[in-house]
Amino acid sequence: MSLPADSQIFACDINEEYTAIAWRYWQQAGLAKIYLRLAPALESLDQLLAIRQAGTFDFAFIDASYDERCLQLIRSRGLIAIDNVLWSGQVANFQIQNNSTQAIRSINQKLRNDERITLSIFLISD
C-alpha cells in the first residue's frame, strides 16, 4: 500500500474476532500505518473530533449512519464512500418497507439534499 510518509489509516470496529483476522493480514502485508480502534464507531469518531481532527481526513468509508461525523472529519475536496446505498435494489422497490431499507432511503435523501457535498453513485457490487 502506498501512502505518503506522514499518512496513516484509521479503522474502527466493534468485532474483535473479525479485526484480529484483518490485523494478521495487515501485518503479513507490512501495513504498519493502520491504527485500529476497537470501539463503537460513533465513539471513535467523536473522539477524533474532540482531539481536533476535523477537516484532516482525505477519505472515509462508511458502512452505517456516520455521515455527519465523517463530513466533519473530511477535508475540503475529500472523498466519502458509503456502502450499500442501493441495498441490492431494495431502496428502489417501495413495496419493501423494512427498517434497514427505510434507513438507507433516508440517508440517501439526506445526502442528496446536502449542499456541502457533490453526490455520485458508483456501483461496484451490490
N, C-alpha and C. Protein backbone atom coordinates (compact mmCIF):
# COMPACT_ATOMS: atom_id res chain seq x y z
N MET A 1 0.85 -1.17 0.00
CA MET A 1 0.00 0.00 0.00
C MET A 1 0.89 1.23 0.00
N SER A 2 0.52 2.17 -0.80
CA SER A 2 1.33 3.38 -0.92
C SER A 2 0.60 4.54 -0.26
N LEU A 3 1.20 5.07 0.78
CA LEU A 3 0.69 6.25 1.46
C LEU A 3 1.84 7.22 1.65
N PRO A 4 1.57 8.51 1.64
CA PRO A 4 2.62 9.46 1.96
C PRO A 4 3.21 9.15 3.34
N ALA A 5 4.44 9.56 3.55
CA ALA A 5 5.15 9.24 4.80
C ALA A 5 4.40 9.71 6.04
N ASP A 6 3.69 10.82 5.94
CA ASP A 6 3.00 11.36 7.11
C ASP A 6 1.54 10.92 7.20
N SER A 7 1.16 9.90 6.45
CA SER A 7 -0.23 9.44 6.42
C SER A 7 -0.40 8.15 7.20
N GLN A 8 -1.65 7.90 7.58
CA GLN A 8 -2.00 6.64 8.22
C GLN A 8 -3.46 6.33 7.94
N ILE A 9 -3.84 5.11 8.22
CA ILE A 9 -5.22 4.68 8.08
C ILE A 9 -5.78 4.48 9.48
N PHE A 10 -6.95 5.05 9.71
CA PHE A 10 -7.65 4.89 10.98
C PHE A 10 -8.84 3.98 10.72
N ALA A 11 -8.93 2.88 11.43
CA ALA A 11 -10.04 1.94 11.28
C ALA A 11 -10.71 1.76 12.63
N CYS A 12 -12.02 1.62 12.61
CA CYS A 12 -12.72 1.33 13.86
C CYS A 12 -13.74 0.24 13.61
N ASP A 13 -13.88 -0.62 14.59
CA ASP A 13 -14.81 -1.74 14.50
C ASP A 13 -15.12 -2.18 15.92
N ILE A 14 -16.18 -2.95 16.06
CA ILE A 14 -16.53 -3.47 17.38
C ILE A 14 -16.32 -4.97 17.49
N ASN A 15 -15.98 -5.62 16.39
CA ASN A 15 -15.87 -7.07 16.40
C ASN A 15 -14.41 -7.49 16.53
N GLU A 16 -14.05 -7.93 17.71
CA GLU A 16 -12.67 -8.32 17.98
C GLU A 16 -12.24 -9.52 17.14
N GLU A 17 -13.15 -10.45 16.91
CA GLU A 17 -12.82 -11.65 16.12
C GLU A 17 -12.44 -11.28 14.68
N TYR A 18 -13.27 -10.47 14.04
CA TYR A 18 -13.00 -10.09 12.65
C TYR A 18 -11.77 -9.20 12.52
N THR A 19 -11.60 -8.29 13.45
CA THR A 19 -10.45 -7.40 13.36
C THR A 19 -9.14 -8.13 13.64
N ALA A 20 -9.20 -9.19 14.45
CA ALA A 20 -7.99 -10.00 14.68
C ALA A 20 -7.55 -10.66 13.38
N ILE A 21 -8.52 -11.12 12.59
CA ILE A 21 -8.21 -11.71 11.29
C ILE A 21 -7.61 -10.64 10.37
N ALA A 22 -8.25 -9.49 10.31
CA ALA A 22 -7.75 -8.39 9.47
C ALA A 22 -6.35 -7.99 9.90
N TRP A 23 -6.12 -7.90 11.20
CA TRP A 23 -4.82 -7.47 11.71
C TRP A 23 -3.71 -8.41 11.27
N ARG A 24 -3.98 -9.72 11.29
CA ARG A 24 -2.98 -10.69 10.83
C ARG A 24 -2.59 -10.42 9.38
N TYR A 25 -3.58 -10.17 8.53
CA TYR A 25 -3.29 -9.89 7.12
C TYR A 25 -2.57 -8.56 6.95
N TRP A 26 -2.93 -7.57 7.73
CA TRP A 26 -2.24 -6.28 7.66
C TRP A 26 -0.77 -6.46 8.01
N GLN A 27 -0.50 -7.23 9.06
CA GLN A 27 0.89 -7.46 9.46
C GLN A 27 1.66 -8.23 8.39
N GLN A 28 1.04 -9.26 7.80
CA GLN A 28 1.69 -10.04 6.75
C GLN A 28 2.03 -9.15 5.56
N ALA A 29 1.17 -8.18 5.28
CA ALA A 29 1.38 -7.29 4.14
C ALA A 29 2.30 -6.12 4.48
N GLY A 30 2.74 -6.04 5.73
CA GLY A 30 3.63 -4.96 6.13
C GLY A 30 2.95 -3.61 6.23
N LEU A 31 1.69 -3.61 6.59
CA LEU A 31 0.92 -2.37 6.66
C LEU A 31 0.97 -1.80 8.08
N ALA A 32 2.04 -1.15 8.39
CA ALA A 32 2.25 -0.62 9.74
C ALA A 32 1.52 0.69 9.98
N LYS A 33 0.95 1.27 8.95
CA LYS A 33 0.32 2.59 9.08
C LYS A 33 -1.17 2.51 9.40
N ILE A 34 -1.65 1.34 9.81
CA ILE A 34 -3.06 1.19 10.15
C ILE A 34 -3.22 1.26 11.66
N TYR A 35 -4.04 2.20 12.10
CA TYR A 35 -4.38 2.32 13.52
C TYR A 35 -5.79 1.79 13.67
N LEU A 36 -5.97 0.77 14.49
CA LEU A 36 -7.28 0.16 14.71
C LEU A 36 -7.77 0.50 16.10
N ARG A 37 -8.98 1.02 16.17
CA ARG A 37 -9.61 1.29 17.46
C ARG A 37 -10.80 0.35 17.59
N LEU A 38 -10.75 -0.53 18.57
CA LEU A 38 -11.81 -1.49 18.81
C LEU A 38 -12.83 -0.86 19.76
N ALA A 39 -13.81 -0.18 19.16
CA ALA A 39 -14.82 0.54 19.92
C ALA A 39 -15.94 0.91 18.95
N PRO A 40 -17.11 1.27 19.47
CA PRO A 40 -18.19 1.73 18.59
C PRO A 40 -17.73 2.90 17.72
N ALA A 41 -18.15 2.90 16.48
CA ALA A 41 -17.70 3.92 15.52
C ALA A 41 -18.05 5.34 15.95
N LEU A 42 -19.27 5.55 16.43
CA LEU A 42 -19.63 6.92 16.83
C LEU A 42 -18.73 7.41 17.95
N GLU A 43 -18.41 6.54 18.89
CA GLU A 43 -17.49 6.90 19.98
C GLU A 43 -16.11 7.24 19.41
N SER A 44 -15.65 6.44 18.48
CA SER A 44 -14.34 6.66 17.87
C SER A 44 -14.30 7.97 17.09
N LEU A 45 -15.34 8.22 16.30
CA LEU A 45 -15.39 9.44 15.50
C LEU A 45 -15.52 10.67 16.39
N ASP A 46 -16.32 10.56 17.46
CA ASP A 46 -16.44 11.68 18.40
C ASP A 46 -15.11 11.97 19.08
N GLN A 47 -14.35 10.92 19.38
CA GLN A 47 -13.03 11.12 19.98
C GLN A 47 -12.11 11.87 19.01
N LEU A 48 -12.15 11.50 17.74
CA LEU A 48 -11.34 12.20 16.74
C LEU A 48 -11.72 13.68 16.67
N LEU A 49 -13.01 13.96 16.70
CA LEU A 49 -13.45 15.35 16.67
C LEU A 49 -13.02 16.09 17.94
N ALA A 50 -13.05 15.40 19.07
CA ALA A 50 -12.67 16.02 20.34
C ALA A 50 -11.19 16.39 20.37
N ILE A 51 -10.36 15.64 19.65
CA ILE A 51 -8.93 15.95 19.63
C ILE A 51 -8.56 16.79 18.39
N ARG A 52 -9.55 17.49 17.90
CA ARG A 52 -9.37 18.48 16.82
C ARG A 52 -8.87 17.89 15.51
N GLN A 53 -9.49 16.80 15.10
CA GLN A 53 -9.13 16.19 13.82
C GLN A 53 -10.10 16.58 12.70
N ALA A 54 -11.05 17.48 12.99
CA ALA A 54 -12.00 17.92 11.97
C ALA A 54 -11.24 18.48 10.77
N GLY A 55 -11.67 18.09 9.58
CA GLY A 55 -11.08 18.61 8.36
C GLY A 55 -9.71 18.06 8.02
N THR A 56 -9.32 16.93 8.62
CA THR A 56 -7.97 16.41 8.38
C THR A 56 -7.95 15.10 7.60
N PHE A 57 -9.10 14.51 7.34
CA PHE A 57 -9.14 13.22 6.65
C PHE A 57 -9.34 13.41 5.15
N ASP A 58 -8.64 12.62 4.36
CA ASP A 58 -8.78 12.66 2.90
C ASP A 58 -9.89 11.73 2.42
N PHE A 59 -10.12 10.65 3.15
CA PHE A 59 -11.05 9.61 2.70
C PHE A 59 -11.73 8.98 3.91
N ALA A 60 -13.00 8.65 3.74
CA ALA A 60 -13.74 7.91 4.76
C ALA A 60 -14.60 6.87 4.07
N PHE A 61 -14.66 5.69 4.63
CA PHE A 61 -15.55 4.63 4.16
C PHE A 61 -16.56 4.39 5.27
N ILE A 62 -17.83 4.48 4.91
CA ILE A 62 -18.90 4.36 5.90
C ILE A 62 -19.76 3.15 5.56
N ASP A 63 -20.03 2.33 6.57
CA ASP A 63 -20.96 1.22 6.36
C ASP A 63 -22.14 1.30 7.32
N ALA A 64 -22.39 2.48 7.86
CA ALA A 64 -23.53 2.71 8.75
C ALA A 64 -23.82 4.21 8.75
N SER A 65 -24.64 4.67 9.67
CA SER A 65 -25.09 6.06 9.67
C SER A 65 -24.13 7.00 10.41
N TYR A 66 -22.94 7.15 9.87
CA TYR A 66 -21.94 8.02 10.48
C TYR A 66 -21.60 9.19 9.57
N ASP A 67 -22.52 9.51 8.67
CA ASP A 67 -22.23 10.51 7.64
C ASP A 67 -21.91 11.88 8.21
N GLU A 68 -22.64 12.33 9.21
CA GLU A 68 -22.41 13.68 9.73
C GLU A 68 -21.04 13.79 10.39
N ARG A 69 -20.65 12.79 11.16
CA ARG A 69 -19.32 12.83 11.79
C ARG A 69 -18.23 12.83 10.71
N CYS A 70 -18.41 11.99 9.70
CA CYS A 70 -17.40 11.92 8.64
C CYS A 70 -17.34 13.20 7.83
N LEU A 71 -18.49 13.84 7.62
CA LEU A 71 -18.48 15.13 6.93
C LEU A 71 -17.69 16.18 7.71
N GLN A 72 -17.69 16.07 9.02
CA GLN A 72 -16.90 16.99 9.85
C GLN A 72 -15.41 16.66 9.78
N LEU A 73 -15.09 15.37 9.69
CA LEU A 73 -13.69 14.95 9.69
C LEU A 73 -13.01 15.11 8.33
N ILE A 74 -13.77 15.02 7.26
CA ILE A 74 -13.18 15.01 5.92
C ILE A 74 -12.75 16.43 5.54
N ARG A 75 -11.62 16.52 4.89
CA ARG A 75 -11.14 17.83 4.44
C ARG A 75 -11.89 18.25 3.17
N SER A 76 -11.82 19.50 2.83
CA SER A 76 -12.41 20.01 1.61
C SER A 76 -11.85 19.22 0.43
N ARG A 77 -12.71 18.79 -0.46
CA ARG A 77 -12.37 18.00 -1.64
C ARG A 77 -11.98 16.56 -1.30
N GLY A 78 -12.29 16.14 -0.06
CA GLY A 78 -12.05 14.75 0.33
C GLY A 78 -13.15 13.86 -0.24
N LEU A 79 -13.02 12.58 -0.01
CA LEU A 79 -13.94 11.59 -0.57
C LEU A 79 -14.52 10.74 0.54
N ILE A 80 -15.85 10.58 0.51
CA ILE A 80 -16.54 9.68 1.43
C ILE A 80 -17.24 8.63 0.59
N ALA A 81 -16.95 7.37 0.86
CA ALA A 81 -17.62 6.25 0.19
C ALA A 81 -18.58 5.61 1.19
N ILE A 82 -19.79 5.36 0.75
CA ILE A 82 -20.81 4.77 1.62
C ILE A 82 -21.26 3.46 1.02
N ASP A 83 -21.23 2.43 1.83
CA ASP A 83 -21.59 1.08 1.42
C ASP A 83 -23.11 0.90 1.39
N ASN A 84 -23.58 0.06 0.50
CA ASN A 84 -24.97 -0.43 0.45
C ASN A 84 -26.02 0.63 0.15
N VAL A 85 -25.70 1.68 -0.61
CA VAL A 85 -26.69 2.72 -0.87
C VAL A 85 -27.84 2.24 -1.75
N LEU A 86 -27.63 1.16 -2.48
CA LEU A 86 -28.72 0.60 -3.29
C LEU A 86 -29.39 -0.58 -2.60
N TRP A 87 -28.70 -1.18 -1.65
CA TRP A 87 -29.26 -2.26 -0.82
C TRP A 87 -29.86 -3.36 -1.69
N SER A 88 -29.05 -3.82 -2.65
CA SER A 88 -29.47 -4.88 -3.59
C SER A 88 -30.74 -4.52 -4.34
N GLY A 89 -30.93 -3.25 -4.61
CA GLY A 89 -32.09 -2.78 -5.35
C GLY A 89 -33.32 -2.53 -4.49
N GLN A 90 -33.25 -2.84 -3.22
CA GLN A 90 -34.42 -2.70 -2.36
C GLN A 90 -34.84 -1.25 -2.15
N VAL A 91 -33.89 -0.31 -2.20
CA VAL A 91 -34.27 1.10 -1.98
C VAL A 91 -35.18 1.61 -3.10
N ALA A 92 -35.11 1.02 -4.27
CA ALA A 92 -35.95 1.44 -5.40
C ALA A 92 -37.30 0.74 -5.41
N ASN A 93 -37.46 -0.29 -4.61
CA ASN A 93 -38.71 -1.04 -4.55
C ASN A 93 -39.50 -0.56 -3.33
N PHE A 94 -40.46 0.31 -3.55
CA PHE A 94 -41.18 0.92 -2.43
C PHE A 94 -42.20 -0.01 -1.79
N GLN A 95 -42.31 -1.22 -2.29
CA GLN A 95 -43.10 -2.23 -1.59
C GLN A 95 -42.31 -2.78 -0.40
N ILE A 96 -41.01 -2.61 -0.43
CA ILE A 96 -40.17 -3.06 0.68
C ILE A 96 -40.06 -1.91 1.68
N GLN A 97 -40.54 -2.14 2.89
CA GLN A 97 -40.59 -1.08 3.90
C GLN A 97 -39.95 -1.49 5.22
N ASN A 98 -39.00 -2.43 5.18
CA ASN A 98 -38.36 -2.82 6.44
C ASN A 98 -37.46 -1.69 6.96
N ASN A 99 -37.07 -1.80 8.21
CA ASN A 99 -36.30 -0.73 8.87
C ASN A 99 -34.99 -0.41 8.16
N SER A 100 -34.25 -1.44 7.76
CA SER A 100 -32.95 -1.22 7.11
C SER A 100 -33.11 -0.47 5.80
N THR A 101 -34.07 -0.90 4.99
CA THR A 101 -34.29 -0.26 3.69
C THR A 101 -34.74 1.18 3.87
N GLN A 102 -35.64 1.41 4.81
CA GLN A 102 -36.10 2.78 5.06
C GLN A 102 -34.97 3.67 5.57
N ALA A 103 -34.09 3.12 6.39
CA ALA A 103 -32.95 3.90 6.90
C ALA A 103 -32.02 4.29 5.76
N ILE A 104 -31.78 3.37 4.84
CA ILE A 104 -30.90 3.68 3.70
C ILE A 104 -31.55 4.71 2.79
N ARG A 105 -32.85 4.58 2.56
CA ARG A 105 -33.55 5.60 1.77
C ARG A 105 -33.41 6.97 2.43
N SER A 106 -33.55 7.00 3.72
CA SER A 106 -33.48 8.25 4.47
C SER A 106 -32.11 8.91 4.34
N ILE A 107 -31.06 8.13 4.52
CA ILE A 107 -29.71 8.72 4.42
C ILE A 107 -29.41 9.13 2.97
N ASN A 108 -29.88 8.35 2.00
CA ASN A 108 -29.69 8.74 0.60
C ASN A 108 -30.36 10.08 0.32
N GLN A 109 -31.58 10.25 0.80
CA GLN A 109 -32.31 11.50 0.59
C GLN A 109 -31.62 12.66 1.32
N LYS A 110 -31.19 12.41 2.53
CA LYS A 110 -30.49 13.44 3.30
C LYS A 110 -29.24 13.91 2.57
N LEU A 111 -28.45 12.97 2.09
CA LEU A 111 -27.22 13.33 1.38
C LEU A 111 -27.51 14.00 0.05
N ARG A 112 -28.56 13.56 -0.62
CA ARG A 112 -28.95 14.16 -1.90
C ARG A 112 -29.25 15.65 -1.72
N ASN A 113 -29.81 16.01 -0.58
CA ASN A 113 -30.20 17.39 -0.32
C ASN A 113 -29.12 18.20 0.39
N ASP A 114 -27.99 17.60 0.68
CA ASP A 114 -26.92 18.27 1.42
C ASP A 114 -26.06 19.09 0.46
N GLU A 115 -26.11 20.40 0.59
CA GLU A 115 -25.40 21.29 -0.32
C GLU A 115 -23.89 21.32 -0.08
N ARG A 116 -23.41 20.69 0.98
CA ARG A 116 -21.97 20.67 1.26
C ARG A 116 -21.24 19.66 0.38
N ILE A 117 -21.97 18.77 -0.26
CA ILE A 117 -21.32 17.67 -0.98
C ILE A 117 -21.79 17.58 -2.43
N THR A 118 -20.98 16.94 -3.23
CA THR A 118 -21.35 16.52 -4.58
C THR A 118 -21.54 15.02 -4.49
N LEU A 119 -22.67 14.54 -4.93
CA LEU A 119 -23.04 13.15 -4.73
C LEU A 119 -22.98 12.37 -6.03
N SER A 120 -22.38 11.20 -5.98
CA SER A 120 -22.35 10.28 -7.12
C SER A 120 -22.57 8.88 -6.60
N ILE A 121 -23.25 8.06 -7.38
CA ILE A 121 -23.38 6.64 -7.06
C ILE A 121 -22.51 5.88 -8.04
N PHE A 122 -21.61 5.12 -7.49
CA PHE A 122 -20.68 4.32 -8.28
C PHE A 122 -20.89 2.87 -7.88
N LEU A 123 -21.47 2.10 -8.78
CA LEU A 123 -21.80 0.71 -8.47
C LEU A 123 -20.58 -0.18 -8.68
N ILE A 124 -20.13 -0.79 -7.61
CA ILE A 124 -19.04 -1.76 -7.70
C ILE A 124 -19.64 -3.15 -7.64
N SER A 125 -20.41 -3.40 -6.62
CA SER A 125 -21.12 -4.66 -6.44
C SER A 125 -22.15 -4.41 -5.37
N ASP A 126 -23.30 -5.03 -5.52
CA ASP A 126 -24.33 -4.79 -4.52
C ASP A 126 -24.97 -6.10 -4.14
